[in-house]
Amino acid sequence: MKMYLSDSNEKLIRKFIEQNFQELNVENIRVKLIDWQNNSDRIFEEIGKLKAIIEKKQFSKINSSKFGKYLASELAETEYRIFEKKIASSKVRSEENIARVILDYLGDDYIQKKDLVKRYLNDKSYYYSSEKSMLKFLEEISNKIKLERLESKLKVKNPALGKTQIEDLDKMTGVEFERFLKTFFERRGFLVTTTKISNDQGCDLILTKLGEKTSVQAKRYMGTIGNDAIQQVVASVKYYKCDLALVITTSKYTKAAQKLAEANYVELWDREILAKKLKE
């Protein structure tokens, strides 16, 4: 939606969307953005304040409907940037593994988010003859994952009893891995709090024991973990007022990530360390 805004005001809008992304990125809110001025929800009051600030800075009035459409457009771009960064951070390359990471992130919402998925796959030069063929491919991978999990559950001992093998964790989704870690730490005497999946601020679990709080980021990835994970968990320590930081992965870390973690006093559990912890 074309609307004149200065660079500083465009940045202000992007910052507003990023700060309120979780609240804005809800279907019933998104559809109301076009007619936002006629809604009384708290977020629309904040949008009104934002519009007033921008009008004051630009010394001109802005059409409310155009402003709402512009916000909706920028929200879609922000959602895509977050999605792209999340998928890219897995560092997988094959078509099937990319599909697995997408399904891991979106879960059963992949059909509802089909436009987002289609844009990402097209950007990465994975083309399909039709939207139907793309969804069929994702459905096949989804069914394959479900079958693998079922087979795994039939073979694996109860994770809650701490008898899971490192290979069993490879069969889990990111969310299942976080739930497993929650049980894992609870059985070791920690009070465990989970953060919101869509807006975790670099922290998946918060461990509390003897008055000390630890921010934990869980990475059930196939690729190598880079600096992003370290930077995010470091930021989360301040955000959640924690004392320590820990990143846990079923994979391994780059040398750069290891150095950054050491410089910021972040504890790292890689595949080898995690396997040993499972046996304790």
Protein backbone atom coordinates (compact mmCIF):
# COMPACT_ATOMS: atom_id res chain seq x y z
CA MET A 1 0.00 0.00 0.00
CA LYS A 2 1.67 3.17 -1.25
CA MET A 3 1.66 5.96 1.31
CA TYR A 4 4.27 8.63 1.82
CA LEU A 5 6.26 8.23 5.02
CA SER A 6 9.71 9.47 5.94
CA ASP A 7 12.43 6.88 6.58
CA SER A 8 12.31 7.62 10.32
CA ASN A 9 8.54 7.08 10.43
CA GLU A 10 8.83 3.82 8.48
CA LYS A 11 11.36 2.65 11.05
CA LEU A 12 9.03 3.76 13.85
CA ILE A 13 6.19 1.66 12.39
CA ARG A 14 8.44 -1.39 11.98
CA LYS A 15 9.59 -1.05 15.59
CA PHE A 16 5.97 -0.77 16.76
CA ILE A 17 5.03 -3.93 14.84
CA GLU A 18 8.02 -5.87 16.16
CA GLN A 19 7.25 -4.85 19.76
CA ASN A 20 3.56 -5.75 19.39
CA PHE A 21 3.96 -8.62 16.92
CA GLN A 22 2.43 -11.30 19.13
CA GLU A 23 -0.72 -9.25 19.72
CA LEU A 24 -1.01 -8.04 16.13
CA ASN A 25 -0.30 -11.38 14.48
CA VAL A 26 -3.63 -12.92 15.46
CA GLU A 27 -6.11 -13.61 12.68
CA ASN A 28 -9.05 -11.68 14.17
CA ILE A 29 -6.80 -8.66 14.81
CA ARG A 30 -5.20 -8.73 11.36
CA VAL A 31 -8.53 -8.61 9.53
CA LYS A 32 -9.58 -5.62 11.65
CA LEU A 33 -6.52 -3.56 10.75
CA ILE A 34 -8.19 -2.16 7.61
CA ASP A 35 -10.99 -0.70 9.73
CA TRP A 36 -8.95 -0.27 12.91
CA GLN A 37 -10.32 3.16 13.87
CA ASN A 38 -13.76 1.62 14.53
CA ASN A 39 -12.44 -0.96 17.01
CA SER A 40 -11.94 -0.50 20.75
CA ASP A 41 -9.32 -3.19 21.49
CA ARG A 42 -6.25 -1.94 23.37
CA ILE A 43 -3.94 -2.51 20.42
CA PHE A 44 -6.04 -0.22 18.22
CA GLU A 45 -5.77 2.54 20.80
CA GLU A 46 -2.00 2.14 20.55
CA ILE A 47 -2.25 2.32 16.74
CA GLY A 48 -4.16 5.59 17.12
CA LYS A 49 -1.37 6.99 19.28
CA LEU A 50 1.22 5.85 16.74
CA LYS A 51 -0.70 7.55 13.93
CA ALA A 52 -0.90 10.78 15.93
CA ILE A 53 2.86 10.74 16.58
CA ILE A 54 3.60 10.23 12.89
CA GLU A 55 1.19 12.96 11.82
CA LYS A 56 2.84 15.35 14.26
CA LYS A 57 6.28 14.51 12.89
CA GLN A 58 5.13 14.87 9.28
CA PHE A 59 2.96 17.97 9.85
CA SER A 60 0.16 16.33 7.86
CA LYS A 61 -2.89 14.14 8.32
CA ILE A 62 -2.87 10.48 7.27
CA ASN A 63 -5.89 8.63 5.92
CA SER A 64 -6.90 6.08 8.58
CA SER A 65 -7.87 3.36 6.11
CA LYS A 66 -4.60 3.70 4.17
CA PHE A 67 -2.69 3.67 7.45
CA GLY A 68 -4.41 0.43 8.46
CA LYS A 69 -3.63 -1.19 5.10
CA TYR A 70 -0.01 -0.08 5.38
CA LEU A 71 0.23 -1.64 8.86
CA ALA A 72 -1.27 -4.87 7.55
CA SER A 73 1.28 -4.93 4.73
CA GLU A 74 4.20 -4.27 7.10
CA LEU A 75 2.88 -6.90 9.52
CA ALA A 76 2.96 -9.48 6.71
CA GLU A 77 6.55 -8.50 5.90
CA THR A 78 7.56 -8.75 9.56
CA GLU A 79 5.95 -12.19 9.84
CA TYR A 80 7.87 -13.31 6.76
CA ARG A 81 11.20 -11.98 8.06
CA ILE A 82 10.72 -13.84 11.36
CA PHE A 83 9.67 -17.00 9.52
CA GLU A 84 12.58 -16.79 7.07
CA LYS A 85 15.11 -16.25 9.86
CA LYS A 86 13.70 -19.16 11.86
CA ILE A 87 13.87 -21.59 8.93
CA ALA A 88 17.25 -20.33 7.71
CA SER A 89 18.79 -20.70 11.17
CA SER A 90 18.39 -24.49 10.91
CA LYS A 91 20.99 -24.44 8.09
CA VAL A 92 19.37 -27.40 6.33
CA ARG A 93 19.52 -27.57 2.52
CA SER A 94 17.52 -30.47 1.11
CA GLU A 95 13.88 -29.96 0.11
CA GLU A 96 12.61 -32.58 2.56
CA ASN A 97 14.61 -31.22 5.51
CA ILE A 98 13.41 -27.68 4.80
CA ALA A 99 9.85 -29.03 4.77
CA ARG A 100 10.51 -30.75 8.10
CA VAL A 101 11.74 -27.51 9.67
CA ILE A 102 8.73 -25.61 8.31
CA LEU A 103 6.35 -28.21 9.74
CA ASP A 104 8.25 -28.20 13.01
CA TYR A 105 7.79 -24.42 13.26
CA LEU A 106 4.21 -24.09 11.99
CA GLY A 107 2.74 -27.41 13.08
CA ASP A 108 -0.77 -27.97 11.74
CA ASP A 109 -1.01 -24.24 10.86
CA TYR A 110 1.02 -24.84 7.68
CA ILE A 111 -2.20 -24.95 5.61
CA GLN A 112 -3.46 -21.68 7.08
CA LYS A 113 -0.01 -20.17 6.47
CA LYS A 114 0.30 -21.58 2.94
CA ASP A 115 1.00 -18.17 1.36
CA LEU A 116 3.89 -17.65 3.76
CA VAL A 117 5.31 -21.11 3.00
CA LYS A 118 4.85 -20.67 -0.76
CA ARG A 119 6.70 -17.35 -0.74
CA TYR A 120 9.60 -18.81 1.23
CA LEU A 121 9.93 -21.89 -0.99
CA ASN A 122 9.76 -19.76 -4.15
CA ASP A 123 12.42 -17.42 -2.76
CA LYS A 124 14.63 -20.47 -2.21
CA SER A 125 13.96 -21.70 -5.77
CA TYR A 126 11.72 -24.63 -4.79
CA TYR A 127 8.91 -24.37 -7.31
CA TYR A 128 5.71 -26.42 -7.52
CA SER A 129 3.30 -26.77 -10.41
CA SER A 130 0.47 -25.57 -8.18
CA GLU A 131 -0.39 -24.66 -4.63
CA LYS A 132 -2.17 -28.00 -4.37
CA SER A 133 1.03 -29.90 -5.25
CA MET A 134 2.99 -27.93 -2.64
CA LEU A 135 0.46 -28.73 0.08
CA LYS A 136 0.41 -32.37 -1.02
CA PHE A 137 4.20 -32.54 -0.63
CA LEU A 138 4.02 -30.99 2.86
CA GLU A 139 1.22 -33.39 3.81
CA GLU A 140 3.37 -36.36 2.73
CA ILE A 141 6.29 -35.15 4.86
CA SER A 142 3.92 -34.44 7.76
CA ASN A 143 2.52 -37.98 7.58
CA LYS A 144 6.05 -39.36 7.38
CA ILE A 145 7.03 -37.43 10.53
CA LYS A 146 3.94 -38.68 12.38
CA LEU A 147 4.76 -42.26 11.42
CA GLU A 148 8.35 -41.84 12.61
CA ARG A 149 7.13 -40.47 15.95
CA LEU A 150 4.69 -43.34 16.36
CA GLU A 151 7.43 -45.89 15.66
CA SER A 152 9.70 -44.04 18.07
CA LYS A 153 7.11 -44.07 20.84
CA LEU A 154 6.63 -47.79 20.42
CA LYS A 155 10.38 -48.36 20.86
CA VAL A 156 11.37 -45.64 23.31
CA LYS A 157 11.25 -45.94 27.05
CA ASN A 158 9.28 -43.32 28.95
CA PRO A 159 11.09 -39.95 28.55
CA ALA A 160 9.69 -38.78 31.86
CA LEU A 161 11.74 -41.49 33.58
CA GLY A 162 14.97 -40.09 32.12
CA LYS A 163 15.69 -43.20 29.99
CA THR A 164 15.54 -41.58 26.58
CA GLN A 165 18.50 -42.01 24.24
CA ILE A 166 19.97 -39.11 22.25
CA GLU A 167 18.68 -40.68 19.01
CA ASP A 168 15.13 -40.53 20.36
CA LEU A 169 15.38 -36.75 20.64
CA ASP A 170 16.08 -36.54 16.90
CA LYS A 171 12.56 -37.81 16.27
CA MET A 172 10.98 -35.01 18.30
CA THR A 173 9.72 -31.66 17.02
CA GLY A 174 11.12 -28.49 18.54
CA VAL A 175 8.09 -28.16 20.80
CA GLU A 176 8.31 -31.81 21.91
CA PHE A 177 12.00 -31.30 22.69
CA GLU A 178 11.17 -28.30 24.89
CA ARG A 179 8.51 -30.35 26.73
CA PHE A 180 10.99 -33.16 27.22
CA LEU A 181 13.55 -30.73 28.71
CA LYS A 182 10.86 -29.32 30.99
CA THR A 183 10.26 -32.79 32.44
CA PHE A 184 14.01 -33.51 32.45
CA PHE A 185 14.80 -30.48 34.64
CA GLU A 186 11.70 -30.79 36.84
CA ARG A 187 12.84 -34.30 37.82
CA ARG A 188 16.15 -32.77 38.84
CA GLY A 189 14.56 -30.38 41.30
CA PHE A 190 14.11 -27.27 39.15
CA LEU A 191 11.02 -25.11 38.96
CA VAL A 192 10.51 -24.79 35.20
CA THR A 193 8.57 -22.05 33.42
CA THR A 194 7.90 -22.14 29.67
CA THR A 195 7.76 -19.01 27.52
CA LYS A 196 5.36 -18.25 24.68
CA ILE A 197 6.42 -20.07 21.51
CA SER A 198 5.57 -17.22 19.14
CA ASN A 199 7.41 -14.57 21.13
CA ASP A 200 9.97 -16.24 23.37
CA GLN A 201 12.60 -13.45 23.21
CA GLY A 202 15.38 -16.02 22.85
CA CYS A 203 14.33 -18.12 25.84
CA ASP A 204 12.32 -21.35 25.79
CA LEU A 205 12.52 -22.36 29.46
CA ILE A 206 13.34 -20.58 32.70
CA LEU A 207 14.86 -22.79 35.38
CA THR A 208 14.73 -21.72 39.03
CA LYS A 209 16.59 -23.44 41.84
CA LEU A 210 17.94 -22.09 45.12
CA GLY A 211 16.99 -18.55 44.10
CA GLU A 212 19.00 -18.70 40.85
CA LYS A 213 17.30 -18.31 37.48
CA THR A 214 18.64 -19.74 34.22
CA SER A 215 17.42 -18.83 30.74
CA VAL A 216 17.45 -21.90 28.48
CA GLN A 217 17.24 -21.97 24.71
CA ALA A 218 16.47 -25.38 23.21
CA LYS A 219 17.69 -26.17 19.69
CA ARG A 220 16.48 -29.52 18.32
CA TYR A 221 18.15 -28.93 14.95
CA MET A 222 19.90 -30.98 12.31
CA GLY A 223 22.24 -28.16 11.32
CA THR A 224 25.12 -26.53 13.21
CA ILE A 225 24.18 -23.85 15.74
CA GLY A 226 25.72 -20.44 15.05
CA ASN A 227 26.03 -17.08 16.80
CA ASP A 228 22.31 -16.23 16.61
CA ALA A 229 21.38 -18.67 19.36
CA ILE A 230 24.05 -17.23 21.67
CA GLN A 231 23.07 -13.63 20.99
CA GLN A 232 19.40 -14.41 21.59
CA VAL A 233 19.90 -16.20 24.90
CA VAL A 234 22.24 -13.43 26.13
CA ALA A 235 19.52 -10.87 25.37
CA SER A 236 16.93 -13.06 27.11
CA VAL A 237 18.88 -13.04 30.39
CA LYS A 238 18.23 -9.32 30.79
CA TYR A 239 14.68 -9.52 29.43
CA TYR A 240 13.61 -12.27 31.87
CA LYS A 241 15.87 -11.05 34.70
CA CYS A 242 17.84 -14.30 34.85
CA ASP A 243 21.26 -14.97 36.38
CA LEU A 244 22.59 -17.60 33.96
CA ALA A 245 22.21 -18.67 30.32
CA LEU A 246 22.22 -22.16 28.80
CA VAL A 247 21.79 -23.36 25.21
CA ILE A 248 20.97 -27.04 24.63
CA THR A 249 21.10 -28.70 21.23
CA THR A 250 20.94 -32.17 19.73
CA SER A 251 23.52 -30.96 17.23
CA LYS A 252 26.80 -29.03 17.63
CA TYR A 253 28.06 -25.42 17.67
CA THR A 254 30.29 -23.49 15.33
CA LYS A 255 33.66 -22.39 16.73
CA ALA A 256 32.49 -18.78 16.52
CA ALA A 257 29.42 -19.63 18.60
CA GLN A 258 31.59 -21.38 21.19
CA LYS A 259 33.87 -18.33 21.49
CA LEU A 260 30.91 -15.97 21.76
CA ALA A 261 29.34 -18.17 24.44
CA GLU A 262 32.58 -18.24 26.41
CA ALA A 263 32.88 -14.44 26.22
CA ASN A 264 29.32 -14.03 27.52
CA TYR A 265 29.43 -16.81 30.15
CA VAL A 266 26.82 -18.91 28.32
CA GLU A 267 26.88 -22.63 29.10
CA LEU A 268 26.60 -24.89 26.05
CA TRP A 269 25.29 -28.44 25.91
CA ASP A 270 25.99 -30.04 22.54
CA ARG A 271 24.96 -33.51 21.38
CA GLU A 272 27.80 -35.22 23.24
CA ILE A 273 27.16 -33.45 26.55
CA LEU A 274 23.40 -33.96 26.27
CA ALA A 275 23.88 -37.69 25.65
CA LYS A 276 25.93 -37.91 28.86
CA LYS A 277 23.32 -35.94 30.82
CA LEU A 278 20.62 -38.38 29.70
CA LYS A 279 22.56 -41.25 31.24
CA GLU A 280 23.07 -39.57 34.62
